[in-house]
PDB file of N, CA and C in Angstrom:
ATOM      1  N   MET A   1     -16.213 -37.993  63.546  1.00  0.00           N
ATOM      2  CA  MET A   1     -15.404 -38.514  62.469  1.00  0.00           C
ATOM      3  C   MET A   1     -16.052 -36.684  61.779  1.00  0.00           C
ATOM      4  N   THR A   2     -15.249 -36.626  60.977  1.00  0.00           N
ATOM      5  CA  THR A   2     -15.373 -35.319  59.859  1.00  0.00           C
ATOM      6  C   THR A   2     -15.772 -35.963  59.002  1.00  0.00           C
ATOM      7  N   ALA A   3     -16.277 -34.445  57.773  1.00  0.00           N
ATOM      8  CA  ALA A   3     -16.603 -34.973  56.589  1.00  0.00           C
ATOM      9  C   ALA A   3     -15.422 -35.680  55.428  1.00  0.00           C
ATOM     10  N   LYS A   4     -14.285 -35.180  55.732  1.00  0.00           N
ATOM     11  CA  LYS A   4     -13.297 -35.487  54.865  1.00  0.00           C
ATOM     12  C   LYS A   4     -12.839 -36.644  55.094  1.00  0.00           C
ATOM     13  N   GLU A   5     -12.995 -37.534  56.380  1.00  0.00           N
ATOM     14  CA  GLU A   5     -12.930 -39.191  57.163  1.00  0.00           C
ATOM     15  C   GLU A   5     -14.146 -40.041  56.415  1.00  0.00           C
ATOM     16  N   THR A   6     -15.167 -39.216  55.859  1.00  0.00           N
ATOM     17  CA  THR A   6     -16.071 -40.203  55.666  1.00  0.00           C
ATOM     18  C   THR A   6     -16.609 -40.373  54.044  1.00  0.00           C
ATOM     19  N   SER A   7     -15.479 -39.093  53.311  1.00  0.00           N
ATOM     20  CA  SER A   7     -15.984 -39.071  51.891  1.00  0.00           C
ATOM     21  C   SER A   7     -15.596 -40.265  50.961  1.00  0.00           C
ATOM     22  N   ASP A   8     -14.818 -41.003  51.190  1.00  0.00           N
ATOM     23  CA  ASP A   8     -14.824 -42.243  50.446  1.00  0.00           C
ATOM     24  C   ASP A   8     -15.954 -43.693  51.439  1.00  0.00           C
ATOM     25  N   SER A   9     -16.300 -43.255  52.095  1.00  0.00           N
ATOM     26  CA  SER A   9     -17.134 -44.544  52.691  1.00  0.00           C
ATOM     27  C   SER A   9     -18.468 -44.431  51.802  1.00  0.00           C
ATOM     28  N   SER A  10     -19.196 -45.970  52.076  1.00  0.00           N
ATOM     29  CA  SER A  10     -20.267 -46.220  51.440  1.00  0.00           C
ATOM     30  C   SER A  10     -21.098 -47.138  52.506  1.00  0.00           C
ATOM     31  N   GLY A  11     -22.411 -46.728  51.815  1.00  0.00           N
ATOM     32  CA  GLY A  11     -22.937 -48.229  52.939  1.00  0.00           C
ATOM     33  C   GLY A  11     -24.120 -48.694  51.824  1.00  0.00           C
ATOM     34  N   PHE A  12     -24.579 -49.709  52.391  1.00  0.00           N
ATOM     35  CA  PHE A  12     -25.158 -50.951  51.359  1.00  0.00           C
ATOM     36  C   PHE A  12     -26.337 -51.680  52.495  1.00  0.00           C
ATOM     37  N   GLU A  13     -27.654 -51.426  52.139  1.00  0.00           N
ATOM     38  CA  GLU A  13     -28.525 -52.108  52.885  1.00  0.00           C
ATOM     39  C   GLU A  13     -29.326 -53.160  51.782  1.00  0.00           C
ATOM     40  N   ARG A  14     -29.997 -54.298  52.593  1.00  0.00           N
ATOM     41  CA  ARG A  14     -30.351 -55.205  51.694  1.00  0.00           C
ATOM     42  C   ARG A  14     -31.566 -55.890  52.520  1.00  0.00           C
ATOM     43  N   TRP A  15     -33.037 -55.562  52.587  1.00  0.00           N
ATOM     44  CA  TRP A  15     -33.966 -56.168  53.288  1.00  0.00           C
ATOM     45  C   TRP A  15     -34.996 -56.592  52.680  1.00  0.00           C
ATOM     46  N   ARG A  16     -35.471 -57.807  52.889  1.00  0.00           N
ATOM     47  CA  ARG A  16     -36.397 -58.406  52.116  1.00  0.00           C
ATOM     48  C   ARG A  16     -37.481 -59.668  53.351  1.00  0.00           C
ATOM     49  N   ILE A  17     -38.455 -58.932  53.375  1.00  0.00           N
ATOM     50  CA  ILE A  17     -39.157 -59.673  54.429  1.00  0.00           C
ATOM     51  C   ILE A  17     -40.635 -60.123  53.977  1.00  0.00           C
ATOM     52  N   ARG A  18     -41.158 -61.261  54.589  1.00  0.00           N
ATOM     53  CA  ARG A  18     -42.248 -61.747  53.999  1.00  0.00           C
ATOM     54  C   ARG A  18     -42.898 -62.432  54.971  1.00  0.00           C
ATOM     55  N   ASP A  19     -43.922 -62.387  54.284  1.00  0.00           N
ATOM     56  CA  ASP A  19     -45.145 -62.485  55.460  1.00  0.00           C
ATOM     57  C   ASP A  19     -45.714 -63.927  55.293  1.00  0.00           C
ATOM     58  N   ASP A  20     -46.756 -64.160  56.274  1.00  0.00           N
ATOM     59  CA  ASP A  20     -47.255 -65.866  56.077  1.00  0.00           C
ATOM     60  C   ASP A  20     -48.195 -66.132  54.677  1.00  0.00           C
ATOM     61  N   ALA A  21     -48.978 -64.798  54.375  1.00  0.00           N
ATOM     62  CA  ALA A  21     -49.233 -65.494  53.250  1.00  0.00           C
ATOM     63  C   ALA A  21     -48.699 -65.429  51.754  1.00  0.00           C
ATOM     64  N   GLY A  22     -46.937 -64.839  51.803  1.00  0.00           N
ATOM     65  CA  GLY A  22     -46.293 -64.937  50.823  1.00  0.00           C
ATOM     66  C   GLY A  22     -45.631 -63.806  50.025  1.00  0.00           C
ATOM     67  N   GLY A  23     -46.590 -62.385  50.618  1.00  0.00           N
ATOM     68  CA  GLY A  23     -46.103 -61.369  50.093  1.00  0.00           C
ATOM     69  C   GLY A  23     -44.760 -60.921  50.485  1.00  0.00           C
ATOM     70  N   VAL A  24     -44.390 -59.661  49.757  1.00  0.00           N
ATOM     71  CA  VAL A  24     -42.550 -59.857  50.041  1.00  0.00           C
ATOM     72  C   VAL A  24     -42.518 -58.283  50.147  1.00  0.00           C
ATOM     73  N   LEU A  25     -41.349 -57.490  51.040  1.00  0.00           N
ATOM     74  CA  LEU A  25     -41.234 -56.158  50.937  1.00  0.00           C
ATOM     75  C   LEU A  25     -39.761 -56.082  50.588  1.00  0.00           C
ATOM     76  N   ARG A  26     -39.346 -55.599  50.084  1.00  0.00           N
ATOM     77  CA  ARG A  26     -37.809 -55.755  49.344  1.00  0.00           C
ATOM     78  C   ARG A  26     -37.467 -54.262  49.505  1.00  0.00           C
ATOM     79  N   LEU A  27     -36.041 -53.587  50.139  1.00  0.00           N
ATOM     80  CA  LEU A  27     -35.495 -52.761  49.617  1.00  0.00           C
ATOM     81  C   LEU A  27     -34.107 -53.044  49.661  1.00  0.00           C
ATOM     82  N   LEU A  28     -33.586 -51.905  48.540  1.00  0.00           N
ATOM     83  CA  LEU A  28     -31.804 -52.251  48.444  1.00  0.00           C
ATOM     84  C   LEU A  28     -31.902 -50.424  48.373  1.00  0.00           C
ATOM     85  N   LEU A  29     -30.650 -50.489  49.200  1.00  0.00           N
ATOM     86  CA  LEU A  29     -29.911 -49.377  49.315  1.00  0.00           C
ATOM     87  C   LEU A  29     -28.709 -49.076  49.134  1.00  0.00           C
ATOM     88  N   ARG A  30     -27.842 -48.163  48.347  1.00  0.00           N
ATOM     89  CA  ARG A  30     -26.561 -48.172  48.521  1.00  0.00           C
ATOM     90  C   ARG A  30     -26.072 -46.425  48.318  1.00  0.00           C
ATOM     91  N   TYR A  31     -25.442 -46.166  49.689  1.00  0.00           N
ATOM     92  CA  TYR A  31     -25.330 -44.419  49.311  1.00  0.00           C
ATOM     93  C   TYR A  31     -23.515 -44.466  49.761  1.00  0.00           C
ATOM     94  N   ARG A  32     -23.705 -42.980  49.733  1.00  0.00           N
ATOM     95  CA  ARG A  32     -22.201 -42.222  50.448  1.00  0.00           C
ATOM     96  C   ARG A  32     -22.487 -41.988  51.785  1.00  0.00           C
ATOM     97  N   ALA A  33     -21.830 -42.200  52.259  1.00  0.00           N
ATOM     98  CA  ALA A  33     -21.897 -41.906  53.577  1.00  0.00           C
ATOM     99  C   ALA A  33     -21.161 -40.570  54.077  1.00  0.00           C
ATOM    100  N   GLY A  34     -21.758 -39.521  55.090  1.00  0.00           N
ATOM    101  CA  GLY A  34     -20.961 -38.502  55.561  1.00  0.00           C
ATOM    102  C   GLY A  34     -21.159 -38.304  57.058  1.00  0.00           C
ATOM    103  N   ALA A  35     -21.063 -37.526  57.405  1.00  0.00           N
ATOM    104  CA  ALA A  35     -20.447 -37.126  58.684  1.00  0.00           C
ATOM    105  C   ALA A  35     -21.592 -37.188  59.699  1.00  0.00           C
ATOM    106  N   PRO A  36     -21.154 -38.455  60.500  1.00  0.00           N
ATOM    107  CA  PRO A  36     -22.607 -38.633  61.115  1.00  0.00           C
ATOM    108  C   PRO A  36     -22.837 -37.606  62.133  1.00  0.00           C
ATOM    109  N   LEU A  37     -24.394 -37.277  63.222  1.00  0.00           N
ATOM    110  CA  LEU A  37     -24.513 -36.722  63.950  1.00  0.00           C
ATOM    111  C   LEU A  37     -24.860 -37.605  65.155  1.00  0.00           C
ATOM    112  N   ARG A  38     -23.904 -37.213  66.474  1.00  0.00           N
ATOM    113  CA  ARG A  38     -23.949 -38.347  67.350  1.00  0.00           C
ATOM    114  C   ARG A  38     -24.745 -37.286  68.405  1.00  0.00           C
ATOM    115  N   THR A  39     -25.765 -38.537  68.452  1.00  0.00           N
ATOM    116  CA  THR A  39     -26.532 -38.160  69.845  1.00  0.00           C
ATOM    117  C   THR A  39     -26.654 -38.812  71.234  1.00  0.00           C
ATOM    118  N   GLY A  40     -27.002 -38.703  72.012  1.00  0.00           N
ATOM    119  CA  GLY A  40     -27.642 -39.878  72.777  1.00  0.00           C
ATOM    120  C   GLY A  40     -28.881 -39.169  74.072  1.00  0.00           C
ATOM    121  N   GLY A  41     -28.622 -39.861  75.265  1.00  0.00           N
ATOM    122  CA  GLY A  41     -29.985 -39.498  76.142  1.00  0.00           C
ATOM    123  C   GLY A  41     -30.086 -40.606  76.966  1.00  0.00           C
ATOM    124  N   GLU A  42     -30.697 -40.096  78.395  1.00  0.00           N
ATOM    125  CA  GLU A  42     -30.901 -41.070  79.311  1.00  0.00           C
ATOM    126  C   GLU A  42     -32.447 -40.619  79.216  1.00  0.00           C
ATOM    127  N   MET A  43     -33.232 -42.102  79.948  1.00  0.00           N
ATOM    128  CA  MET A  43     -34.430 -42.149  80.497  1.00  0.00           C
ATOM    129  C   MET A  43     -34.498 -42.838  81.509  1.00  0.00           C
ATOM    130  N   LYS A  44     -35.477 -42.662  82.178  1.00  0.00           N
ATOM    131  CA  LYS A  44     -35.406 -43.282  83.459  1.00  0.00           C
ATOM    132  C   LYS A  44     -37.316 -43.838  83.939  1.00  0.00           C
ATOM    133  N   ILE A  45     -37.785 -45.301  83.710  1.00  0.00           N
ATOM    134  CA  ILE A  45     -39.138 -45.476  82.983  1.00  0.00           C
ATOM    135  C   ILE A  45     -39.234 -46.352  84.611  1.00  0.00           C
ATOM    136  N   PHE A  46     -40.245 -46.263  84.940  1.00  0.00           N
ATOM    137  CA  PHE A  46     -41.295 -46.556  86.524  1.00  0.00           C
ATOM    138  C   PHE A  46     -41.598 -47.561  85.369  1.00  0.00           C
ATOM    139  N   GLY A  47     -41.911 -48.628  86.167  1.00  0.00           N
ATOM    140  CA  GLY A  47     -43.340 -49.750  86.162  1.00  0.00           C
ATOM    141  C   GLY A  47     -43.278 -50.748  86.542  1.00  0.00           C
ATOM    142  N   GLY A  48     -44.195 -51.425  86.567  1.00  0.00           N
ATOM    143  CA  GLY A  48     -44.308 -52.921  87.217  1.00  0.00           C
ATOM    144  C   GLY A  48     -45.442 -52.745  88.334  1.00  0.00           C
ATOM    145  N   PRO A  49     -45.256 -53.388  89.276  1.00  0.00           N
ATOM    146  CA  PRO A  49     -46.594 -53.791  90.065  1.00  0.00           C
ATOM    147  C   PRO A  49     -45.735 -52.937  91.511  1.00  0.00           C
ATOM    148  N   ASP A  50     -44.271 -52.875  91.558  1.00  0.00           N
ATOM    149  CA  ASP A  50     -43.781 -51.969  92.524  1.00  0.00           C
ATOM    150  C   ASP A  50     -43.751 -50.633  91.740  1.00  0.00           C
ATOM    151  N   PRO A  51     -44.050 -49.257  92.053  1.00  0.00           N
ATOM    152  CA  PRO A  51     -43.985 -47.943  91.957  1.00  0.00           C
ATOM    153  C   PRO A  51     -42.690 -47.213  91.813  1.00  0.00           C
ATOM    154  N   ALA A  52     -41.583 -47.911  93.092  1.00  0.00           N
ATOM    155  CA  ALA A  52     -40.302 -47.908  92.702  1.00  0.00           C
ATOM    156  C   ALA A  52     -39.411 -48.613  92.249  1.00  0.00           C
ATOM    157  N   PHE A  53     -39.892 -49.356  91.311  1.00  0.00           N
ATOM    158  CA  PHE A  53     -39.175 -50.095  90.429  1.00  0.00           C
ATOM    159  C   PHE A  53     -38.798 -49.325  89.379  1.00  0.00           C
ATOM    160  N   PHE A  54     -37.685 -49.062  88.846  1.00  0.00           N
ATOM    161  CA  PHE A  54     -37.075 -48.505  87.835  1.00  0.00           C
ATOM    162  C   PHE A  54     -35.862 -49.140  86.877  1.00  0.00           C
ATOM    163  N   ARG A  55     -36.355 -48.815  85.708  1.00  0.00           N
ATOM    164  CA  ARG A  55     -34.289 -48.949  84.745  1.00  0.00           C
ATOM    165  C   ARG A  55     -34.120 -47.928  84.227  1.00  0.00           C
ATOM    166  N   VAL A  56     -32.506 -47.272  83.637  1.00  0.00           N
ATOM    167  CA  VAL A  56     -32.304 -46.312  83.290  1.00  0.00           C
ATOM    168  C   VAL A  56     -31.944 -47.139  81.858  1.00  0.00           C
ATOM    169  N   TYR A  57     -32.169 -46.231  80.911  1.00  0.00           N
ATOM    170  CA  TYR A  57     -31.763 -46.410  79.670  1.00  0.00           C
ATOM    171  C   TYR A  57     -31.113 -45.141  79.201  1.00  0.00           C
ATOM    172  N   ARG A  58     -29.582 -45.848  78.547  1.00  0.00           N
ATOM    173  CA  ARG A  58     -28.749 -44.756  77.747  1.00  0.00           C
ATOM    174  C   ARG A  58     -28.641 -45.005  76.640  1.00  0.00           C
ATOM    175  N   THR A  59     -28.711 -44.117  75.772  1.00  0.00           N
ATOM    176  CA  THR A  59     -28.289 -44.225  74.388  1.00  0.00           C
ATOM    177  C   THR A  59     -27.505 -43.495  73.757  1.00  0.00           C
ATOM    178  N   ASP A  60     -26.655 -43.972  72.985  1.00  0.00           N
ATOM    179  CA  ASP A  60     -25.586 -43.080  71.983  1.00  0.00           C
ATOM    180  C   ASP A  60     -25.465 -43.750  70.713  1.00  0.00           C
ATOM    181  N   LYS A  61     -25.870 -43.118  69.894  1.00  0.00           N
ATOM    182  CA  LYS A  61     -26.336 -43.652  68.412  1.00  0.00           C
ATOM    183  C   LYS A  61     -25.649 -42.341  67.649  1.00  0.00           C
ATOM    184  N   ALA A  62     -25.568 -42.654  66.063  1.00  0.00           N
ATOM    185  CA  ALA A  62     -24.955 -41.984  65.051  1.00  0.00           C
ATOM    186  C   ALA A  62     -26.237 -41.936  63.920  1.00  0.00           C
ATOM    187  N   SER A  63     -26.287 -40.733  63.635  1.00  0.00           N
ATOM    188  CA  SER A  63     -27.618 -40.750  62.487  1.00  0.00           C
ATOM    189  C   SER A  63     -27.075 -39.850  61.053  1.00  0.00           C
ATOM    190  N   ASP A  64     -27.044 -40.245  60.206  1.00  0.00           N
ATOM    191  CA  ASP A  64     -26.585 -40.431  58.617  1.00  0.00           C
ATOM    192  C   ASP A  64     -27.739 -39.660  57.638  1.00  0.00           C
ATOM    193  N   PHE A  65     -28.229 -38.575  57.765  1.00  0.00           N
ATOM    194  CA  PHE A  65     -28.851 -38.402  56.603  1.00  0.00           C
ATOM    195  C   PHE A  65     -28.426 -38.153  55.075  1.00  0.00           C
ATOM    196  N   VAL A  66     -28.657 -39.279  54.553  1.00  0.00           N
ATOM    197  CA  VAL A  66     -28.645 -39.833  53.360  1.00  0.00           C
ATOM    198  C   VAL A  66     -29.132 -39.238  51.727  1.00  0.00           C
ATOM    199  N   LYS A  67     -30.965 -39.009  52.584  1.00  0.00           N
ATOM    200  CA  LYS A  67     -31.459 -38.293  51.532  1.00  0.00           C
ATOM    201  C   LYS A  67     -32.588 -37.571  52.472  1.00  0.00           C
ATOM    202  N   SER A  68     -32.626 -36.122  51.917  1.00  0.00           N
ATOM    203  CA  SER A  68     -33.432 -35.108  52.534  1.00  0.00           C
ATOM    204  C   SER A  68     -34.229 -34.254  51.360  1.00  0.00           C
ATOM    205  N   ALA A  69     -35.196 -34.502  50.677  1.00  0.00           N
ATOM    206  CA  ALA A  69     -35.546 -33.516  49.706  1.00  0.00           C
ATOM    207  C   ALA A  69     -35.551 -32.075  50.114  1.00  0.00           C
ATOM    208  N   PRO A  70     -36.149 -32.073  51.275  1.00  0.00           N
ATOM    209  CA  PRO A  70     -36.485 -30.612  52.056  1.00  0.00           C
ATOM    210  C   PRO A  70     -35.392 -30.046  52.057  1.00  0.00           C
ATOM    211  N   ASN A  71     -33.879 -30.652  52.101  1.00  0.00           N
ATOM    212  CA  ASN A  71     -32.844 -30.108  52.343  1.00  0.00           C
ATOM    213  C   ASN A  71     -31.686 -29.982  51.186  1.00  0.00           C
ATOM    214  N   LYS A  72     -32.472 -30.803  50.453  1.00  0.00           N
ATOM    215  CA  LYS A  72     -31.887 -30.824  48.803  1.00  0.00           C
ATOM    216  C   LYS A  72     -30.296 -31.937  49.154  1.00  0.00           C
ATOM    217  N   VAL A  73     -30.418 -32.742  49.940  1.00  0.00           N
ATOM    218  CA  VAL A  73     -29.108 -34.035  50.434  1.00  0.00           C
ATOM    219  C   VAL A  73     -29.502 -34.922  49.317  1.00  0.00           C
ATOM    220  N   ASP A  74     -28.763 -35.621  49.112  1.00  0.00           N
ATOM    221  CA  ASP A  74     -29.284 -36.765  48.184  1.00  0.00           C
ATOM    222  C   ASP A  74     -27.848 -37.423  47.749  1.00  0.00           C
ATOM    223  N   HIS A  75     -27.486 -38.223  48.516  1.00  0.00           N
ATOM    224  CA  HIS A  75     -26.140 -39.266  48.407  1.00  0.00           C
ATOM    225  C   HIS A  75     -26.597 -40.715  48.570  1.00  0.00           C
ATOM    226  N   ILE A  76     -27.864 -40.606  47.509  1.00  0.00           N
ATOM    227  CA  ILE A  76     -28.264 -42.347  47.052  1.00  0.00           C
ATOM    228  C   ILE A  76     -27.580 -42.666  45.996  1.00  0.00           C
ATOM    229  N   ASP A  77     -26.944 -43.811  45.939  1.00  0.00           N
ATOM    230  CA  ASP A  77     -26.363 -44.291  44.852  1.00  0.00           C
ATOM    231  C   ASP A  77     -27.688 -45.033  43.921  1.00  0.00           C
ATOM    232  N   GLU A  78     -27.773 -45.545  44.946  1.00  0.00           N
ATOM    233  CA  GLU A  78     -29.082 -47.123  44.155  1.00  0.00           C
ATOM    234  C   GLU A  78     -30.051 -47.170  45.378  1.00  0.00           C
ATOM    235  N   PHE A  79     -31.126 -47.130  44.865  1.00  0.00           N
ATOM    236  CA  PHE A  79     -32.670 -47.170  45.888  1.00  0.00           C
ATOM    237  C   PHE A  79     -33.858 -48.072  44.919  1.00  0.00           C
ATOM    238  N   GLN A  80     -33.653 -49.355  45.662  1.00  0.00           N
ATOM    239  CA  GLN A  80     -35.240 -49.754  45.105  1.00  0.00           C
ATOM    240  C   GLN A  80     -36.007 -50.544  46.092  1.00  0.00           C
ATOM    241  N   PHE A  81     -37.305 -50.408  45.686  1.00  0.00           N
ATOM    242  CA  PHE A  81     -38.391 -50.419  46.871  1.00  0.00           C
ATOM    243  C   PHE A  81     -39.455 -51.420  46.379  1.00  0.00           C
ATOM    244  N   ASP A  82     -40.190 -52.054  46.981  1.00  0.00           N
ATOM    245  CA  ASP A  82     -41.525 -52.456  46.487  1.00  0.00           C
ATOM    246  C   ASP A  82     -42.177 -53.302  47.781  1.00  0.00           C
ATOM    247  N   SER A  83     -43.072 -53.789  47.424  1.00  0.00           N
ATOM    248  CA  SER A  83     -44.230 -54.490  48.368  1.00  0.00           C
ATOM    249  C   SER A  83     -45.539 -54.820  47.699  1.00  0.00           C
ATOM    250  N   THR A  84     -45.425 -56.509  48.075  1.00  0.00           N
ATOM    251  CA  THR A  84     -46.838 -57.233  47.630  1.00  0.00           C
ATOM    252  C   THR A  84     -47.253 -57.481  48.795  1.00  0.00           C
ATOM    253  N   ILE A  85     -47.036 -57.066  49.846  1.00  0.00           N
ATOM    254  CA  ILE A  85     -48.053 -57.486  51.104  1.00  0.00           C
ATOM    255  C   ILE A  85     -49.071 -56.705  51.110  1.00  0.00           C
ATOM    256  N   SER A  86     -50.180 -57.983  51.030  1.00  0.00           N
ATOM    257  CA  SER A  86     -51.588 -57.015  51.345  1.00  0.00           C
ATOM    258  C   SER A  86     -51.748 -56.145  51.867  1.00  0.00           C
ATOM    259  N   GLU A  87     -51.092 -55.951  53.363  1.00  0.00           N
ATOM    260  CA  GLU A  87     -51.801 -54.781  54.300  1.00  0.00           C
ATOM    261  C   GLU A  87     -51.339 -53.867  53.951  1.00  0.00           C
ATOM    262  N   PHE A  88     -50.326 -53.414  53.161  1.00  0.00           N
ATOM    263  CA  PHE A  88     -48.964 -52.391  52.907  1.00  0.00           C
ATOM    264  C   PHE A  88     -49.889 -51.951  51.482  1.00  0.00           C
ATOM    265  N   SER A  89     -50.726 -52.020  50.805  1.00  0.00           N
ATOM    266  CA  SER A  89     -51.152 -52.014  49.430  1.00  0.00           C
ATOM    267  C   SER A  89     -51.856 -50.455  49.237  1.00  0.00           C
ATOM    268  N   ASN A  90     -52.388 -49.995  50.713  1.00  0.00           N
ATOM    269  CA  ASN A  90     -52.931 -48.653  50.558  1.00  0.00           C
ATOM    270  C   ASN A  90     -51.953 -47.855  50.407  1.00  0.00           C
ATOM    271  N   ILE A  91     -50.784 -47.859  51.280  1.00  0.00           N
ATOM    272  CA  ILE A  91     -49.669 -46.930  51.166  1.00  0.00           C
ATOM    273  C   ILE A  91     -48.456 -46.978  50.107  1.00  0.00           C
ATOM    274  N   PHE A  92     -48.684 -48.447  50.159  1.00  0.00           N
ATOM    275  CA  PHE A  92     -47.675 -48.652  48.693  1.00  0.00           C
ATOM    276  C   PHE A  92     -47.938 -49.301  47.928  1.00  0.00           C
ATOM    277  N   ASP A  93     -48.761 -48.361  46.833  1.00  0.00           N
ATOM    278  CA  ASP A  93     -48.894 -48.241  45.788  1.00  0.00           C
ATOM    279  C   ASP A  93     -48.437 -48.229  44.619  1.00  0.00           C
ATOM    280  N   GLY A  94     -47.137 -47.709  44.513  1.00  0.00           N
ATOM    281  CA  GLY A  94     -46.193 -47.189  43.588  1.00  0.00           C
ATOM    282  C   GLY A  94     -46.024 -45.887  43.269  1.00  0.00           C
ATOM    283  N   THR A  95     -47.621 -45.008  43.613  1.00  0.00           N
ATOM    284  CA  THR A  95     -47.281 -43.223  43.973  1.00  0.00           C
ATOM    285  C   THR A  95     -46.464 -42.863  44.788  1.00  0.00           C
ATOM    286  N   GLN A  96     -45.839 -43.251  45.765  1.00  0.00           N
ATOM    287  CA  GLN A  96     -45.394 -42.796  47.077  1.00  0.00           C
ATOM    288  C   GLN A  96     -44.011 -42.624  46.336  1.00  0.00           C
ATOM    289  N   LYS A  97     -43.246 -41.493  46.772  1.00  0.00           N
ATOM    290  CA  LYS A  97     -42.015 -40.760  46.825  1.00  0.00           C
ATOM    291  C   LYS A  97     -41.478 -40.650  47.888  1.00  0.00           C
ATOM    292  N   VAL A  98     -39.916 -40.724  47.823  1.00  0.00           N
ATOM    293  CA  VAL A  98     -38.988 -40.838  49.164  1.00  0.00           C
ATOM    294  C   VAL A  98     -38.777 -39.558  49.507  1.00  0.00           C
ATOM    295  N   ILE A  99     -39.218 -39.222  50.529  1.00  0.00           N
ATOM    296  CA  ILE A  99     -38.614 -37.874  51.395  1.00  0.00           C
ATOM    297  C   ILE A  99     -37.309 -37.370  51.778  1.00  0.00           C
ATOM    298  N   SER A 100     -37.000 -38.897  52.784  1.00  0.00           N
ATOM    299  CA  SER A 100     -36.415 -38.971  53.777  1.00  0.00           C
ATOM    300  C   SER A 100     -35.685 -39.971  53.944  1.00  0.00           C
ATOM    301  N   ILE A 101     -34.300 -40.318  54.082  1.00  0.00           N
ATOM    302  CA  ILE A 101     -33.735 -41.533  54.341  1.00  0.00           C
ATOM    303  C   ILE A 101     -32.909 -41.388  55.343  1.00  0.00           C
ATOM    304  N   TRP A 102     -32.492 -41.956  56.726  1.00  0.00           N
ATOM    305  CA  TRP A 102     -31.494 -41.678  57.524  1.00  0.00           C
ATOM    306  C   TRP A 102     -30.822 -42.910  57.676  1.00  0.00           C
ATOM    307  N   THR A 103     -30.059 -43.272  58.202  1.00  0.00           N
ATOM    308  CA  THR A 103     -29.561 -44.280  58.886  1.00  0.00           C
ATOM    309  C   THR A 103     -28.384 -43.933  59.801  1.00  0.00           C
ATOM    310  N   GLU A 104     -28.602 -45.110  60.777  1.00  0.00           N
ATOM    311  CA  GLU A 104     -27.690 -45.262  62.074  1.00  0.00           C
ATOM    312  C   GLU A 104     -26.481 -46.144  62.073  1.00  0.00           C
ATOM    313  N   PRO A 105     -25.293 -45.463  61.745  1.00  0.00           N
ATOM    314  CA  PRO A 105     -24.177 -46.025  61.750  1.00  0.00           C
ATOM    315  C   PRO A 105     -23.571 -47.239  63.249  1.00  0.00           C
ATOM    316  N   TRP A 106     -24.285 -46.533  64.295  1.00  0.00           N
ATOM    317  CA  TRP A 106     -23.907 -47.865  65.190  1.00  0.00           C
ATOM    318  C   TRP A 106     -25.494 -47.081  66.335  1.00  0.00           C
ATOM    319  N   TYR A 107     -25.795 -47.908  67.221  1.00  0.00           N
ATOM    320  CA  TYR A 107     -26.978 -47.549  68.072  1.00  0.00           C
ATOM    321  C   TYR A 107     -26.493 -48.786  69.724  1.00  0.00           C
ATOM    322  N   LEU A 108     -26.116 -47.716  70.683  1.00  0.00           N
ATOM    323  CA  LEU A 108     -25.560 -48.616  71.435  1.00  0.00           C
ATOM    324  C   LEU A 108     -26.579 -47.888  73.063  1.00  0.00           C
ATOM    325  N   ARG A 109     -26.847 -48.987  73.401  1.00  0.00           N
ATOM    326  CA  ARG A 109     -28.156 -48.769  74.897  1.00  0.00           C
ATOM    327  C   ARG A 109     -27.883 -49.854  75.747  1.00  0.00           C
ATOM    328  N   HIS A 110     -27.618 -49.069  76.979  1.00  0.00           N
ATOM    329  CA  HIS A 110     -27.107 -49.498  78.069  1.00  0.00           C
ATOM    330  C   HIS A 110     -28.464 -50.071  78.903  1.00  0.00           C
ATOM    331  N   VAL A 111     -28.812 -50.841  79.504  1.00  0.00           N
ATOM    332  CA  VAL A 111     -30.205 -51.009  80.323  1.00  0.00           C
ATOM    333  C   VAL A 111     -29.795 -50.919  81.597  1.00  0.00           C
ATOM    334  N   LEU A 112     -29.670 -50.244  82.589  1.00  0.00           N
ATOM    335  CA  LEU A 112     -29.431 -50.448  83.944  1.00  0.00           C
ATOM    336  C   LEU A 112     -30.865 -50.114  84.692  1.00  0.00           C
ATOM    337  N   LEU A 113     -30.410 -51.399  86.080  1.00  0.00           N
ATOM    338  CA  LEU A 113     -31.489 -51.699  86.901  1.00  0.00           C
ATOM    339  C   LEU A 113     -30.647 -50.860  88.331  1.00  0.00           C
ATOM    340  N   GLN A 114     -31.824 -50.632  89.175  1.00  0.00           N
ATOM    341  CA  GLN A 114     -31.563 -50.044  90.382  1.00  0.00           C
ATOM    342  C   GLN A 114     -30.896 -51.086  91.254  1.00  0.00           C
ATOM    343  N   ASN A 115     -30.104 -50.886  92.228  1.00  0.00           N
ATOM    344  CA  ASN A 115     -29.719 -51.802  92.894  1.00  0.00           C
ATOM    345  C   ASN A 115     -30.939 -52.535  94.030  1.00  0.00           C
ATOM    346  N   PRO A 116     -31.183 -53.838  94.096  1.00  0.00           N
ATOM    347  CA  PRO A 116     -32.628 -54.133  95.196  1.00  0.00           C
ATOM    348  C   PRO A 116     -31.952 -53.661  96.535  1.00  0.00           C
ATOM    349  N   GLY A 117     -31.166 -53.722  97.051  1.00  0.00           N
ATOM    350  CA  GLY A 117     -30.713 -53.696  98.110  1.00  0.00           C
ATOM    351  C   GLY A 117     -30.665 -51.707  98.754  1.00  0.00           C
ATOM    352  N   SER A 118     -30.982 -50.837  97.686  1.00  0.00           N
ATOM    353  CA  SER A 118     -30.704 -49.536  98.050  1.00  0.00           C
ATOM    354  C   SER A 118     -32.115 -48.934  98.477  1.00  0.00           C
TER     355      SER A 118
END
């Protein structure tokens, strides 16, 4: 994707999380999408009682920085955030500032197991 191809694209996210005590965390985000940065990788993870056992994780994803205060990027049209969850009261007290927001337009993960007969 190029910046020209994404110039009319937009995104919308709305999250609402409620804890058992009735506290709520809310997020609303509307933004203009940019050209995503595509990345990927592969990890081989060993584990379990058999040290020869492993899984291979292959990822392919895209990231789009819609806000970065240090880089003076701001593609946000609307942003609302609040929390009444007591465990978060020390960090979300209304004085926090948003420094960066990125979205992941896609995230693909393949999990591969070794052939037990090999």
